[in-house]
C-alpha atoms as a PDB file:
ATOM      1  CA  MET A   1       0.000   0.000   0.000  1.00  0.00           C
ATOM      2  CA  LYS A   2       1.318   3.444  -0.905  1.00  0.00           C
ATOM      3  CA  SER A   3       1.946   5.963   1.859  1.00  0.00           C
ATOM      4  CA  VAL A   4       2.134   9.768   1.797  1.00  0.00           C
ATOM      5  CA  GLY A   5       2.584  12.420   4.468  1.00  0.00           C
ATOM      6  CA  ALA A   6      -0.317  14.722   5.290  1.00  0.00           C
ATOM      7  CA  ALA A   7       1.529  17.836   4.075  1.00  0.00           C
ATOM      8  CA  GLU A   8       2.361  16.201   0.741  1.00  0.00           C
ATOM      9  CA  PHE A   9      -1.208  14.916   0.428  1.00  0.00           C
ATOM     10  CA  LYS A  10      -2.520  18.439   1.002  1.00  0.00           C
ATOM     11  CA  ALA A  11      -0.229  19.843  -1.683  1.00  0.00           C
ATOM     12  CA  ARG A  12      -0.894  17.105  -4.280  1.00  0.00           C
ATOM     13  CA  CYS A  13      -4.381  15.922  -3.308  1.00  0.00           C
ATOM     14  CA  LEU A  14      -6.057  15.930  -6.735  1.00  0.00           C
ATOM     15  CA  ARG A  15      -3.090  14.311  -8.472  1.00  0.00           C
ATOM     16  CA  LEU A  16      -2.892  11.581  -5.818  1.00  0.00           C
ATOM     17  CA  ILE A  17      -6.629  10.880  -6.057  1.00  0.00           C
ATOM     18  CA  LYS A  18      -6.451  10.556  -9.851  1.00  0.00           C
ATOM     19  CA  GLN A  19      -3.463   8.225  -9.565  1.00  0.00           C
ATOM     20  CA  MET A  20      -5.266   6.120  -6.946  1.00  0.00           C
ATOM     21  CA  ASN A  21      -8.281   5.767  -9.241  1.00  0.00           C
ATOM     22  CA  ARG A  22      -6.041   4.692 -12.133  1.00  0.00           C
ATOM     23  CA  ASP A  23      -4.110   2.009 -10.258  1.00  0.00           C
ATOM     24  CA  GLY A  24      -6.870   1.046  -7.773  1.00  0.00           C
ATOM     25  CA  GLU A  25      -4.428   0.915  -4.850  1.00  0.00           C
ATOM     26  CA  PRO A  26      -5.428   2.463  -1.490  1.00  0.00           C
ATOM     27  CA  LEU A  27      -3.345   5.319  -0.119  1.00  0.00           C
ATOM     28  CA  THR A  28      -2.287   5.618   3.533  1.00  0.00           C
ATOM     29  CA  ILE A  29      -1.996   9.188   4.800  1.00  0.00           C
ATOM     30  CA  THR A  30       0.467   9.685   7.635  1.00  0.00           C
ATOM     31  CA  ASN A  31       1.160  12.420  10.151  1.00  0.00           C
ATOM     32  CA  ARG A  32       4.743  12.436  11.455  1.00  0.00           C
ATOM     33  CA  GLY A  33       5.171   8.904  10.147  1.00  0.00           C
ATOM     34  CA  ARG A  34       2.102   7.478  11.897  1.00  0.00           C
ATOM     35  CA  PRO A  35      -0.897   6.349   9.789  1.00  0.00           C
ATOM     36  CA  VAL A  36      -3.946   8.571  10.349  1.00  0.00           C
ATOM     37  CA  ALA A  37      -6.207   7.766   7.383  1.00  0.00           C
ATOM     38  CA  ILE A  38      -6.652   5.412   4.463  1.00  0.00           C
ATOM     39  CA  LEU A  39      -8.021   6.686   1.181  1.00  0.00           C
ATOM     40  CA  SER A  40      -9.371   3.951  -1.054  1.00  0.00           C
ATOM     41  CA  PRO A  41     -11.137   3.946  -4.425  1.00  0.00           C
ATOM     42  CA  MET A  42     -14.900   3.462  -4.526  1.00  0.00           C
ATOM     43  CA  PRO A  43     -16.078  -0.034  -5.463  1.00  0.00           C
ATOM     44  CA  GLU A  44     -17.033  -0.248  -9.135  1.00  0.00           C
ATOM     45  CA  GLN A  45     -20.687  -0.960  -8.255  1.00  0.00           C
ATOM     46  CA  ALA A  46     -20.997   2.220  -6.161  1.00  0.00           C
ATOM     47  CA  ARG A  47     -19.543   4.331  -8.976  1.00  0.00           C
ATOM     48  CA  SER A  48     -22.267   3.325 -11.410  1.00  0.00           C
ATOM     49  CA  GLU A  49     -25.214   3.866  -9.055  1.00  0.00           C
ATOM     50  CA  SER A  50     -26.918   7.243  -9.264  1.00  0.00           C
ATOM     51  CA  ILE A  51     -29.058   8.858  -6.602  1.00  0.00           C
ATOM     52  CA  ILE A  52     -31.238  10.413  -9.287  1.00  0.00           C
ATOM     53  CA  GLY A  53     -34.425   8.401  -9.397  1.00  0.00           C
ATOM     54  CA  ALA A  54     -33.355   6.155  -6.512  1.00  0.00           C
ATOM     55  CA  MET A  55     -36.616   6.810  -4.619  1.00  0.00           C
ATOM     56  CA  ALA A  56     -38.906   6.341  -7.639  1.00  0.00           C
ATOM     57  CA  GLY A  57     -41.994   4.306  -6.769  1.00  0.00           C
ATOM     58  CA  THR A  58     -41.511   4.486  -2.999  1.00  0.00           C
ATOM     59  CA  VAL A  59     -44.495   6.780  -2.262  1.00  0.00           C
ATOM     60  CA  LEU A  60     -47.477   4.465  -2.052  1.00  0.00           C
ATOM     61  CA  ALA A  61     -50.256   7.032  -1.606  1.00  0.00           C
ATOM     62  CA  TYR A  62     -51.056  10.526  -0.432  1.00  0.00           C
ATOM     63  CA  ASP A  63     -54.481  12.036   0.075  1.00  0.00           C
ATOM     64  CA  ASP A  64     -53.965  15.793   0.044  1.00  0.00           C
ATOM     65  CA  PRO A  65     -50.365  16.972   0.177  1.00  0.00           C
ATOM     66  CA  PHE A  66     -51.461  20.606   0.639  1.00  0.00           C
ATOM     67  CA  GLY A  67     -54.000  19.973   3.411  1.00  0.00           C
ATOM     68  CA  PRO A  68     -53.331  20.361   7.131  1.00  0.00           C
ATOM     69  CA  ALA A  69     -51.322  17.600   8.791  1.00  0.00           C
ATOM     70  CA  ALA A  70     -53.889  17.235  11.594  1.00  0.00           C
ATOM     71  CA  ASP A  71     -57.597  17.842  11.962  1.00  0.00           C
ATOM     72  CA  PRO A  72     -58.273  21.384  13.278  1.00  0.00           C
ATOM     73  CA  SER A  73     -60.324  19.921  16.173  1.00  0.00           C
ATOM     74  CA  GLU A  74     -57.105  18.307  17.463  1.00  0.00           C
ATOM     75  CA  TRP A  75     -55.251  21.630  17.754  1.00  0.00           C
ATOM     76  CA  ALA A  76     -54.587  22.569  21.381  1.00  0.00           C
ATOM     77  CA  SER A  77     -54.851  26.305  20.623  1.00  0.00           C
ATOM     78  CA  LEU A  78     -58.551  25.988  19.722  1.00  0.00           C
ATOM     79  CA  ARG A  79     -59.585  24.450  23.050  1.00  0.00           C
END
């Protein structure tokens, strides 16, 4: 696994991310020689999934979306 210091990662972040995506190898980020984080490429399946349309067909029914959420007789301020 490749390793890079935090200061170098900060300076070359985008280049390191592109390289990681090309070779598929995780990157260990260190601070003063001690590992503090691991950056790894997304699994191929997660890359292809889109959030657009992910909830399609999940609303089963709604009566009146613009009506009050509760019956006015249940409001405490009217009692």
